[in-house]
PDB file of all heavy atoms in Angstrom:
ATOM      1  N   GLU A   1       7.613  -9.870  14.467  1.00  0.00           N
ATOM      2  CA  GLU A   1       8.812  -9.109  13.955  1.00  0.00           C
ATOM      3  C   GLU A   1       9.880 -10.049  13.491  1.00  0.00           C
ATOM      4  O   GLU A   1      10.298 -10.110  12.287  1.00  0.00           O
ATOM      5  CB  GLU A   1       9.395  -8.271  15.001  1.00  0.00           C
ATOM      6  CG  GLU A   1      10.651  -7.405  14.387  1.00  0.00           C
ATOM      7  CD  GLU A   1      11.028  -6.265  15.359  1.00  0.00           C
ATOM      8  OE1 GLU A   1      10.172  -5.826  16.116  1.00  0.00           O
ATOM      9  OE2 GLU A   1      12.108  -5.804  15.223  1.00  0.00           O
ATOM     10  N   ILE A   2      10.175 -11.129  14.358  1.00  0.00           N
ATOM     11  CA  ILE A   2      11.150 -12.155  13.989  1.00  0.00           C
ATOM     12  C   ILE A   2      10.626 -13.038  12.853  1.00  0.00           C
ATOM     13  O   ILE A   2      11.407 -13.410  11.887  1.00  0.00           O
ATOM     14  CB  ILE A   2      11.654 -12.972  15.261  1.00  0.00           C
ATOM     15  CG1 ILE A   2      12.941 -13.742  14.766  1.00  0.00           C
ATOM     16  CG2 ILE A   2      10.671 -13.732  15.839  1.00  0.00           C
ATOM     17  CD1 ILE A   2      13.619 -14.365  15.937  1.00  0.00           C
ATOM     18  N   MET A   3       9.389 -13.414  12.996  1.00  0.00           N
ATOM     19  CA  MET A   3       8.885 -14.330  11.881  1.00  0.00           C
ATOM     20  C   MET A   3       8.830 -13.481  10.615  1.00  0.00           C
ATOM     21  O   MET A   3       9.017 -14.084   9.517  1.00  0.00           O
ATOM     22  CB  MET A   3       7.455 -14.739  12.345  1.00  0.00           C
ATOM     23  CG  MET A   3       7.513 -15.758  13.529  1.00  0.00           C
ATOM     24  SD  MET A   3       8.512 -17.241  13.065  1.00  0.00           S
ATOM     25  CE  MET A   3       7.356 -18.160  12.023  1.00  0.00           C
ATOM     26  N   SER A   4       8.621 -12.266  10.610  1.00  0.00           N
ATOM     27  CA  SER A   4       8.574 -11.509   9.238  1.00  0.00           C
ATOM     28  C   SER A   4       9.968 -11.472   8.743  1.00  0.00           C
ATOM     29  O   SER A   4      10.241 -11.531   7.529  1.00  0.00           O
ATOM     30  CB  SER A   4       8.089 -10.063   9.625  1.00  0.00           C
ATOM     31  OG  SER A   4       8.132  -9.273   8.325  1.00  0.00           O
ATOM     32  N   SER A   5      10.930 -11.328   9.583  1.00  0.00           N
ATOM     33  CA  SER A   5      12.490 -11.410   9.143  1.00  0.00           C
ATOM     34  C   SER A   5      12.712 -12.743   8.495  1.00  0.00           C
ATOM     35  O   SER A   5      13.615 -12.787   7.683  1.00  0.00           O
ATOM     36  CB  SER A   5      13.308 -11.071  10.288  1.00  0.00           C
ATOM     37  OG  SER A   5      13.175  -9.860  10.922  1.00  0.00           O
ATOM     38  N   LEU A   6      12.040 -13.746   8.807  1.00  0.00           N
ATOM     39  CA  LEU A   6      12.216 -15.164   8.257  1.00  0.00           C
ATOM     40  C   LEU A   6      11.208 -15.312   7.102  1.00  0.00           C
ATOM     41  O   LEU A   6      11.201 -16.354   6.581  1.00  0.00           O
ATOM     42  CB  LEU A   6      11.904 -16.188   9.276  1.00  0.00           C
ATOM     43  CG  LEU A   6      12.919 -16.150  10.525  1.00  0.00           C
ATOM     44  CD1 LEU A   6      12.448 -17.162  11.575  1.00  0.00           C
ATOM     45  CD2 LEU A   6      14.393 -16.400  10.133  1.00  0.00           C
ATOM     46  N   ASP A   7      10.583 -14.196   6.658  1.00  0.00           N
ATOM     47  CA  ASP A   7       9.618 -14.241   5.522  1.00  0.00           C
ATOM     48  C   ASP A   7       8.383 -15.064   5.827  1.00  0.00           C
ATOM     49  O   ASP A   7       7.736 -15.685   4.969  1.00  0.00           O
ATOM     50  CB  ASP A   7      10.306 -14.851   4.241  1.00  0.00           C
ATOM     51  CG  ASP A   7       9.599 -14.328   3.001  1.00  0.00           C
ATOM     52  OD1 ASP A   7       8.953 -13.308   3.041  1.00  0.00           O
ATOM     53  OD2 ASP A   7       9.797 -14.879   1.997  1.00  0.00           O
ATOM     54  N   TYR A   8       7.977 -15.111   7.092  1.00  0.00           N
ATOM     55  CA  TYR A   8       6.737 -15.644   7.539  1.00  0.00           C
ATOM     56  C   TYR A   8       5.753 -14.660   8.212  1.00  0.00           C
ATOM     57  O   TYR A   8       5.410 -14.801   9.355  1.00  0.00           O
ATOM     58  CB  TYR A   8       7.061 -16.749   8.548  1.00  0.00           C
ATOM     59  CG  TYR A   8       7.340 -18.121   7.955  1.00  0.00           C
ATOM     60  CD1 TYR A   8       8.721 -18.359   7.604  1.00  0.00           C
ATOM     61  CD2 TYR A   8       6.388 -19.114   7.648  1.00  0.00           C
ATOM     62  CE1 TYR A   8       9.156 -19.561   6.900  1.00  0.00           C
ATOM     63  CE2 TYR A   8       6.767 -20.168   6.990  1.00  0.00           C
ATOM     64  CZ  TYR A   8       8.160 -20.460   6.681  1.00  0.00           C
ATOM     65  OH  TYR A   8       8.453 -21.583   6.000  1.00  0.00           O
ATOM     66  N   ASP A   9       5.600 -13.532   7.500  1.00  0.00           N
ATOM     67  CA  ASP A   9       4.630 -12.482   8.055  1.00  0.00           C
ATOM     68  C   ASP A   9       3.226 -12.961   8.035  1.00  0.00           C
ATOM     69  O   ASP A   9       2.573 -12.632   8.917  1.00  0.00           O
ATOM     70  CB  ASP A   9       4.928 -11.146   7.339  1.00  0.00           C
ATOM     71  CG  ASP A   9       4.691 -11.368   5.839  1.00  0.00           C
ATOM     72  OD1 ASP A   9       4.847 -12.438   5.292  1.00  0.00           O
ATOM     73  OD2 ASP A   9       4.301 -10.219   5.143  1.00  0.00           O
ATOM     74  N   ARG A  10       2.850 -13.663   6.922  1.00  0.00           N
ATOM     75  CA  ARG A  10       1.549 -14.056   6.718  1.00  0.00           C
ATOM     76  C   ARG A  10       1.561 -15.461   5.988  1.00  0.00           C
ATOM     77  O   ARG A  10       2.203 -15.504   4.908  1.00  0.00           O
ATOM     78  CB  ARG A  10       0.610 -13.158   5.957  1.00  0.00           C
ATOM     79  CG  ARG A  10       0.366 -11.781   6.629  1.00  0.00           C
ATOM     80  CD  ARG A  10      -0.774 -11.150   5.949  1.00  0.00           C
ATOM     81  NE  ARG A  10      -0.895 -11.317   4.484  1.00  0.00           N
ATOM     82  CZ  ARG A  10      -0.092 -10.668   3.670  1.00  0.00           C
ATOM     83  NH1 ARG A  10       0.698  -9.789   3.820  1.00  0.00           N
ATOM     84  NH2 ARG A  10      -0.404 -11.047   2.275  1.00  0.00           N
ATOM     85  N   LEU A  11       0.999 -16.508   6.662  1.00  0.00           N
ATOM     86  CA  LEU A  11       1.009 -17.812   5.982  1.00  0.00           C
ATOM     87  C   LEU A  11       0.425 -17.814   4.623  1.00  0.00           C
ATOM     88  O   LEU A  11       0.840 -18.364   3.756  1.00  0.00           O
ATOM     89  CB  LEU A  11       0.392 -18.842   6.935  1.00  0.00           C
ATOM     90  CG  LEU A  11       0.518 -20.420   6.539  1.00  0.00           C
ATOM     91  CD1 LEU A  11       2.012 -20.690   6.833  1.00  0.00           C
ATOM     92  CD2 LEU A  11      -0.347 -21.118   7.510  1.00  0.00           C
ATOM     93  N   GLU A  12      -0.763 -17.048   4.588  1.00  0.00           N
ATOM     94  CA  GLU A  12      -1.550 -17.067   3.300  1.00  0.00           C
ATOM     95  C   GLU A  12      -0.799 -16.449   2.029  1.00  0.00           C
ATOM     96  O   GLU A  12      -1.164 -16.605   0.853  1.00  0.00           O
ATOM     97  CB  GLU A  12      -2.880 -16.425   3.520  1.00  0.00           C
ATOM     98  CG  GLU A  12      -2.801 -14.845   3.718  1.00  0.00           C
ATOM     99  CD  GLU A  12      -2.745 -14.762   5.275  1.00  0.00           C
ATOM    100  OE1 GLU A  12      -2.350 -15.520   6.053  1.00  0.00           O
ATOM    101  OE2 GLU A  12      -3.153 -13.517   5.737  1.00  0.00           O
ATOM    102  N   ARG A  13       0.181 -15.609   2.335  1.00  0.00           N
ATOM    103  CA  ARG A  13       0.901 -14.859   1.348  1.00  0.00           C
ATOM    104  C   ARG A  13       1.841 -15.853   0.534  1.00  0.00           C
ATOM    105  O   ARG A  13       1.829 -15.900  -0.793  1.00  0.00           O
ATOM    106  CB  ARG A  13       1.684 -13.747   1.901  1.00  0.00           C
ATOM    107  CG  ARG A  13       2.642 -12.959   0.763  1.00  0.00           C
ATOM    108  CD  ARG A  13       3.425 -11.883   1.418  1.00  0.00           C
ATOM    109  NE  ARG A  13       4.327 -12.383   2.455  1.00  0.00           N
ATOM    110  CZ  ARG A  13       5.573 -12.814   2.167  1.00  0.00           C
ATOM    111  NH1 ARG A  13       6.033 -12.933   0.832  1.00  0.00           N
ATOM    112  NH2 ARG A  13       6.446 -13.156   2.982  1.00  0.00           N
ATOM    113  N   ARG A  14       2.525 -16.812   1.279  1.00  0.00           N
ATOM    114  CA  ARG A  14       3.432 -17.659   0.615  1.00  0.00           C
ATOM    115  C   ARG A  14       2.722 -19.145   0.377  1.00  0.00           C
ATOM    116  O   ARG A  14       3.237 -19.638  -0.572  1.00  0.00           O
ATOM    117  CB  ARG A  14       4.718 -17.806   1.528  1.00  0.00           C
ATOM    118  CG  ARG A  14       5.417 -16.509   1.555  1.00  0.00           C
ATOM    119  CD  ARG A  14       6.725 -16.693   2.304  1.00  0.00           C
ATOM    120  NE  ARG A  14       7.597 -17.634   1.681  1.00  0.00           N
ATOM    121  CZ  ARG A  14       8.489 -18.345   2.279  1.00  0.00           C
ATOM    122  NH1 ARG A  14       8.721 -18.253   3.600  1.00  0.00           N
ATOM    123  NH2 ARG A  14       9.281 -19.198   1.610  1.00  0.00           N
ATOM    124  N   PHE A  15       1.863 -19.373   1.199  1.00  0.00           N
ATOM    125  CA  PHE A  15       1.348 -20.799   1.196  1.00  0.00           C
ATOM    126  C   PHE A  15      -0.236 -20.755   1.127  1.00  0.00           C
ATOM    127  O   PHE A  15      -0.718 -21.173   2.251  1.00  0.00           O
ATOM    128  CB  PHE A  15       1.970 -21.676   2.166  1.00  0.00           C
ATOM    129  CG  PHE A  15       3.393 -21.681   2.244  1.00  0.00           C
ATOM    130  CD1 PHE A  15       4.141 -21.058   3.322  1.00  0.00           C
ATOM    131  CD2 PHE A  15       4.198 -22.299   1.271  1.00  0.00           C
ATOM    132  CE1 PHE A  15       5.384 -21.033   3.341  1.00  0.00           C
ATOM    133  CE2 PHE A  15       5.568 -22.306   1.386  1.00  0.00           C
ATOM    134  CZ  PHE A  15       6.218 -21.622   2.378  1.00  0.00           C
ATOM    135  N   PRO A  16      -0.832 -20.210   0.156  1.00  0.00           N
ATOM    136  CA  PRO A  16      -2.329 -20.008   0.261  1.00  0.00           C
ATOM    137  C   PRO A  16      -3.171 -21.177   0.479  1.00  0.00           C
ATOM    138  O   PRO A  16      -4.154 -21.237   1.149  1.00  0.00           O
ATOM    139  CB  PRO A  16      -2.702 -19.241  -1.136  1.00  0.00           C
ATOM    140  CG  PRO A  16      -1.484 -19.581  -2.053  1.00  0.00           C
ATOM    141  CD  PRO A  16      -0.351 -19.826  -1.229  1.00  0.00           C
ATOM    142  N   ARG A  17      -2.732 -22.239  -0.237  1.00  0.00           N
ATOM    143  CA  ARG A  17      -3.428 -23.517   0.034  1.00  0.00           C
ATOM    144  C   ARG A  17      -3.320 -24.106   1.384  1.00  0.00           C
ATOM    145  O   ARG A  17      -4.340 -24.539   2.088  1.00  0.00           O
ATOM    146  CB  ARG A  17      -2.996 -24.639  -1.132  1.00  0.00           C
ATOM    147  CG  ARG A  17      -3.359 -24.292  -2.391  1.00  0.00           C
ATOM    148  CD  ARG A  17      -2.724 -25.217  -3.438  1.00  0.00           C
ATOM    149  NE  ARG A  17      -2.900 -25.012  -4.833  1.00  0.00           N
ATOM    150  CZ  ARG A  17      -2.287 -25.581  -5.788  1.00  0.00           C
ATOM    151  NH1 ARG A  17      -1.377 -26.376  -5.650  1.00  0.00           N
ATOM    152  NH2 ARG A  17      -2.629 -25.213  -7.068  1.00  0.00           N
ATOM    153  N   LEU A  18      -2.064 -24.022   1.861  1.00  0.00           N
ATOM    154  CA  LEU A  18      -1.854 -24.395   3.219  1.00  0.00           C
ATOM    155  C   LEU A  18      -2.674 -23.533   4.266  1.00  0.00           C
ATOM    156  O   LEU A  18      -3.116 -24.085   5.258  1.00  0.00           O
ATOM    157  CB  LEU A  18      -0.369 -24.436   3.510  1.00  0.00           C
ATOM    158  CG  LEU A  18       0.180 -25.057   4.840  1.00  0.00           C
ATOM    159  CD1 LEU A  18      -0.210 -26.490   4.866  1.00  0.00           C
ATOM    160  CD2 LEU A  18       1.684 -24.871   4.893  1.00  0.00           C
ATOM    161  N   SER A  19      -2.718 -22.323   3.979  1.00  0.00           N
ATOM    162  CA  SER A  19      -3.317 -21.342   4.919  1.00  0.00           C
ATOM    163  C   SER A  19      -4.861 -21.735   4.901  1.00  0.00           C
ATOM    164  O   SER A  19      -5.590 -21.766   5.896  1.00  0.00           O
ATOM    165  CB  SER A  19      -3.129 -19.897   4.437  1.00  0.00           C
ATOM    166  OG  SER A  19      -3.868 -18.980   5.270  1.00  0.00           O
ATOM    167  N   ASP A  20      -5.442 -21.952   3.682  1.00  0.00           N
ATOM    168  CA  ASP A  20      -6.969 -22.265   3.558  1.00  0.00           C
ATOM    169  C   ASP A  20      -7.196 -23.613   4.286  1.00  0.00           C
ATOM    170  O   ASP A  20      -8.169 -23.723   4.987  1.00  0.00           O
ATOM    171  CB  ASP A  20      -7.238 -22.459   2.107  1.00  0.00           C
ATOM    172  CG  ASP A  20      -7.368 -21.031   1.456  1.00  0.00           C
ATOM    173  OD1 ASP A  20      -7.345 -20.031   2.115  1.00  0.00           O
ATOM    174  OD2 ASP A  20      -7.492 -21.046   0.154  1.00  0.00           O
ATOM    175  N   TRP A  21      -6.242 -24.590   4.110  1.00  0.00           N
ATOM    176  CA  TRP A  21      -6.374 -25.901   4.715  1.00  0.00           C
ATOM    177  C   TRP A  21      -6.451 -25.749   6.292  1.00  0.00           C
ATOM    178  O   TRP A  21      -7.160 -26.359   6.964  1.00  0.00           O
ATOM    179  CB  TRP A  21      -5.347 -26.801   4.277  1.00  0.00           C
ATOM    180  CG  TRP A  21      -5.027 -27.955   5.155  1.00  0.00           C
ATOM    181  CD1 TRP A  21      -5.601 -29.173   5.136  1.00  0.00           C
ATOM    182  CD2 TRP A  21      -4.054 -28.025   6.230  1.00  0.00           C
ATOM    183  NE1 TRP A  21      -5.117 -30.060   6.136  1.00  0.00           N
ATOM    184  CE2 TRP A  21      -4.173 -29.329   6.857  1.00  0.00           C
ATOM    185  CE3 TRP A  21      -3.154 -27.248   6.792  1.00  0.00           C
ATOM    186  CZ2 TRP A  21      -3.453 -29.897   7.889  1.00  0.00           C
ATOM    187  CZ3 TRP A  21      -2.486 -27.736   7.854  1.00  0.00           C
ATOM    188  CH2 TRP A  21      -2.498 -28.928   8.392  1.00  0.00           C
ATOM    189  N   TYR A  22      -5.484 -24.905   6.877  1.00  0.00           N
ATOM    190  CA  TYR A  22      -5.378 -24.664   8.179  1.00  0.00           C
ATOM    191  C   TYR A  22      -6.681 -24.163   8.823  1.00  0.00           C
ATOM    192  O   TYR A  22      -7.154 -24.495   9.858  1.00  0.00           O
ATOM    193  CB  TYR A  22      -4.220 -23.788   8.505  1.00  0.00           C
ATOM    194  CG  TYR A  22      -4.010 -23.492   9.999  1.00  0.00           C
ATOM    195  CD1 TYR A  22      -3.355 -24.391  10.799  1.00  0.00           C
ATOM    196  CD2 TYR A  22      -4.447 -22.418  10.553  1.00  0.00           C
ATOM    197  CE1 TYR A  22      -3.147 -24.338  12.188  1.00  0.00           C
ATOM    198  CE2 TYR A  22      -4.326 -22.057  11.993  1.00  0.00           C
ATOM    199  CZ  TYR A  22      -3.718 -23.163  12.723  1.00  0.00           C
ATOM    200  OH  TYR A  22      -3.510 -22.777  14.122  1.00  0.00           O
ATOM    201  N   GLU A  23      -7.219 -23.095   8.139  1.00  0.00           N
ATOM    202  CA  GLU A  23      -8.477 -22.615   8.408  1.00  0.00           C
ATOM    203  C   GLU A  23      -9.563 -23.602   8.430  1.00  0.00           C
ATOM    204  O   GLU A  23     -10.480 -23.673   9.288  1.00  0.00           O
ATOM    205  CB  GLU A  23      -8.773 -21.336   7.708  1.00  0.00           C
ATOM    206  CG  GLU A  23      -7.841 -20.220   7.818  1.00  0.00           C
ATOM    207  CD  GLU A  23      -8.007 -19.789   9.292  1.00  0.00           C
ATOM    208  OE1 GLU A  23      -8.971 -19.670   9.951  1.00  0.00           O
ATOM    209  OE2 GLU A  23      -6.887 -19.396   9.758  1.00  0.00           O
ATOM    210  N   ARG A  24      -9.488 -24.489   7.408  1.00  0.00           N
ATOM    211  CA  ARG A  24     -10.617 -25.532   7.200  1.00  0.00           C
ATOM    212  C   ARG A  24     -10.662 -26.573   8.315  1.00  0.00           C
ATOM    213  O   ARG A  24     -11.634 -26.926   8.819  1.00  0.00           O
ATOM    214  CB  ARG A  24     -10.368 -26.196   5.773  1.00  0.00           C
ATOM    215  CG  ARG A  24     -11.499 -27.084   5.408  1.00  0.00           C
ATOM    216  CD  ARG A  24     -11.193 -27.623   3.962  1.00  0.00           C
ATOM    217  NE  ARG A  24     -11.059 -26.463   3.037  1.00  0.00           N
ATOM    218  CZ  ARG A  24      -9.956 -26.200   2.338  1.00  0.00           C
ATOM    219  NH1 ARG A  24      -8.913 -27.112   2.427  1.00  0.00           N
ATOM    220  NH2 ARG A  24      -9.950 -25.215   1.490  1.00  0.00           N
ATOM    221  N   VAL A  25      -9.343 -26.957   8.651  1.00  0.00           N
ATOM    222  CA  VAL A  25      -9.339 -27.912   9.828  1.00  0.00           C
ATOM    223  C   VAL A  25      -9.687 -27.166  11.121  1.00  0.00           C
ATOM    224  O   VAL A  25     -10.283 -27.878  11.980  1.00  0.00           O
ATOM    225  CB  VAL A  25      -7.716 -28.379   9.913  1.00  0.00           C
ATOM    226  CG1 VAL A  25      -7.646 -29.269  11.143  1.00  0.00           C
ATOM    227  CG2 VAL A  25      -7.454 -29.207   8.735  1.00  0.00           C
ATOM    228  N   SER A  26      -9.219 -25.932  11.279  1.00  0.00           N
ATOM    229  CA  SER A  26      -9.580 -25.270  12.543  1.00  0.00           C
ATOM    230  C   SER A  26     -11.161 -25.123  12.697  1.00  0.00           C
ATOM    231  O   SER A  26     -11.571 -24.988  13.985  1.00  0.00           O
ATOM    232  CB  SER A  26      -8.988 -23.814  12.441  1.00  0.00           C
ATOM    233  OG  SER A  26      -7.602 -23.753  12.353  1.00  0.00           O
ATOM    234  N   GLU A  27     -11.844 -25.106  11.682  1.00  0.00           N
ATOM    235  CA  GLU A  27     -13.377 -24.958  11.855  1.00  0.00           C
ATOM    236  C   GLU A  27     -14.021 -26.410  12.108  1.00  0.00           C
ATOM    237  O   GLU A  27     -15.223 -26.374  12.297  1.00  0.00           O
ATOM    238  CB  GLU A  27     -13.891 -24.426  10.455  1.00  0.00           C
ATOM    239  CG  GLU A  27     -13.504 -23.007  10.398  1.00  0.00           C
ATOM    240  CD  GLU A  27     -13.835 -22.362   9.043  1.00  0.00           C
ATOM    241  OE1 GLU A  27     -14.277 -23.109   8.209  1.00  0.00           O
ATOM    242  OE2 GLU A  27     -13.525 -21.022   8.840  1.00  0.00           O
ATOM    243  N   LEU A  28     -13.340 -27.462  12.028  1.00  0.00           N
ATOM    244  CA  LEU A  28     -13.966 -28.814  12.315  1.00  0.00           C
ATOM    245  C   LEU A  28     -14.397 -28.859  13.855  1.00  0.00           C
ATOM    246  O   LEU A  28     -13.802 -28.214  14.622  1.00  0.00           O
ATOM    247  CB  LEU A  28     -12.953 -29.898  11.983  1.00  0.00           C
ATOM    248  CG  LEU A  28     -12.601 -30.083  10.524  1.00  0.00           C
ATOM    249  CD1 LEU A  28     -11.440 -31.087  10.534  1.00  0.00           C
ATOM    250  CD2 LEU A  28     -13.703 -30.470   9.674  1.00  0.00           C
ATOM    251  N   PRO A  29     -15.456 -29.591  13.983  1.00  0.00           N
ATOM    252  CA  PRO A  29     -15.966 -29.731  15.367  1.00  0.00           C
ATOM    253  C   PRO A  29     -14.838 -30.225  16.303  1.00  0.00           C
ATOM    254  O   PRO A  29     -14.094 -31.188  16.135  1.00  0.00           O
ATOM    255  CB  PRO A  29     -17.037 -30.728  15.334  1.00  0.00           C
ATOM    256  CG  PRO A  29     -17.539 -30.815  13.910  1.00  0.00           C
ATOM    257  CD  PRO A  29     -16.282 -30.436  13.063  1.00  0.00           C
ATOM    258  N   GLY A  30     -14.747 -29.470  17.470  1.00  0.00           N
ATOM    259  CA  GLY A  30     -13.892 -29.897  18.484  1.00  0.00           C
ATOM    260  C   GLY A  30     -12.308 -29.491  18.398  1.00  0.00           C
ATOM    261  O   GLY A  30     -11.465 -29.584  19.316  1.00  0.00           O
ATOM    262  N   VAL A  31     -11.944 -29.122  17.200  1.00  0.00           N
ATOM    263  CA  VAL A  31     -10.545 -28.735  16.992  1.00  0.00           C
ATOM    264  C   VAL A  31      -9.990 -27.553  17.763  1.00  0.00           C
ATOM    265  O   VAL A  31      -8.961 -27.735  18.306  1.00  0.00           O
ATOM    266  CB  VAL A  31     -10.322 -28.647  15.438  1.00  0.00           C
ATOM    267  CG1 VAL A  31      -8.886 -27.891  15.168  1.00  0.00           C
ATOM    268  CG2 VAL A  31     -10.454 -29.812  14.578  1.00  0.00           C
ATOM    269  N   THR A  32     -10.714 -26.514  17.891  1.00  0.00           N
ATOM    270  CA  THR A  32     -10.347 -25.379  18.690  1.00  0.00           C
ATOM    271  C   THR A  32     -10.004 -25.711  20.070  1.00  0.00           C
ATOM    272  O   THR A  32      -9.102 -25.292  20.645  1.00  0.00           O
ATOM    273  CB  THR A  32     -11.445 -24.240  18.654  1.00  0.00           C
ATOM    274  OG1 THR A  32     -11.621 -23.852  17.276  1.00  0.00           O
ATOM    275  CG2 THR A  32     -11.058 -23.124  19.470  1.00  0.00           C
ATOM    276  N   ALA A  33     -10.798 -26.778  20.739  1.00  0.00           N
ATOM    277  CA  ALA A  33     -10.608 -27.132  22.111  1.00  0.00           C
ATOM    278  C   ALA A  33      -9.233 -27.872  22.247  1.00  0.00           C
ATOM    279  O   ALA A  33      -8.860 -28.203  23.416  1.00  0.00           O
ATOM    280  CB  ALA A  33     -11.701 -27.874  22.560  1.00  0.00           C
ATOM    281  N   THR A  34      -8.653 -28.339  21.153  1.00  0.00           N
ATOM    282  CA  THR A  34      -7.461 -29.137  21.322  1.00  0.00           C
ATOM    283  C   THR A  34      -6.079 -28.302  21.312  1.00  0.00           C
ATOM    284  O   THR A  34      -5.160 -28.797  21.699  1.00  0.00           O
ATOM    285  CB  THR A  34      -7.205 -30.138  20.044  1.00  0.00           C
ATOM    286  OG1 THR A  34      -7.001 -29.230  18.898  1.00  0.00           O
ATOM    287  CG2 THR A  34      -8.458 -30.993  19.858  1.00  0.00           C
ATOM    288  N   ALA A  35      -6.413 -26.978  21.058  1.00  0.00           N
ATOM    289  CA  ALA A  35      -5.241 -26.125  21.158  1.00  0.00           C
ATOM    290  C   ALA A  35      -4.456 -26.055  22.450  1.00  0.00           C
ATOM    291  O   ALA A  35      -5.159 -26.305  23.516  1.00  0.00           O
ATOM    292  CB  ALA A  35      -5.684 -24.674  20.740  1.00  0.00           C
ATOM    293  N   PRO A  36      -3.214 -25.811  22.593  1.00  0.00           N
ATOM    294  CA  PRO A  36      -2.541 -25.883  23.806  1.00  0.00           C
ATOM    295  C   PRO A  36      -3.147 -24.978  24.810  1.00  0.00           C
ATOM    296  O   PRO A  36      -3.659 -23.919  24.547  1.00  0.00           O
ATOM    297  CB  PRO A  36      -1.113 -25.212  23.360  1.00  0.00           C
ATOM    298  CG  PRO A  36      -0.967 -25.742  21.962  1.00  0.00           C
ATOM    299  CD  PRO A  36      -2.307 -25.592  21.328  1.00  0.00           C
ATOM    300  N   LEU A  37      -3.206 -25.563  26.096  1.00  0.00           N
ATOM    301  CA  LEU A  37      -4.003 -24.926  27.096  1.00  0.00           C
ATOM    302  C   LEU A  37      -3.466 -23.491  27.458  1.00  0.00           C
ATOM    303  O   LEU A  37      -4.266 -22.592  27.607  1.00  0.00           O
ATOM    304  CB  LEU A  37      -3.819 -25.746  28.301  1.00  0.00           C
ATOM    305  CG  LEU A  37      -4.765 -25.559  29.478  1.00  0.00           C
ATOM    306  CD1 LEU A  37      -6.207 -25.792  29.053  1.00  0.00           C
ATOM    307  CD2 LEU A  37      -4.332 -26.278  30.660  1.00  0.00           C
TER     308      LEU A  37
END
């Protein structure tokens, strides 16, 4: 709700290349396991 108020409801809507890049990096080996515990 608050992020939508800041115009960040979906990353892909405003920054499609950045959103695709984020997904691409997320799919690299071992990256998911680095996320905050």
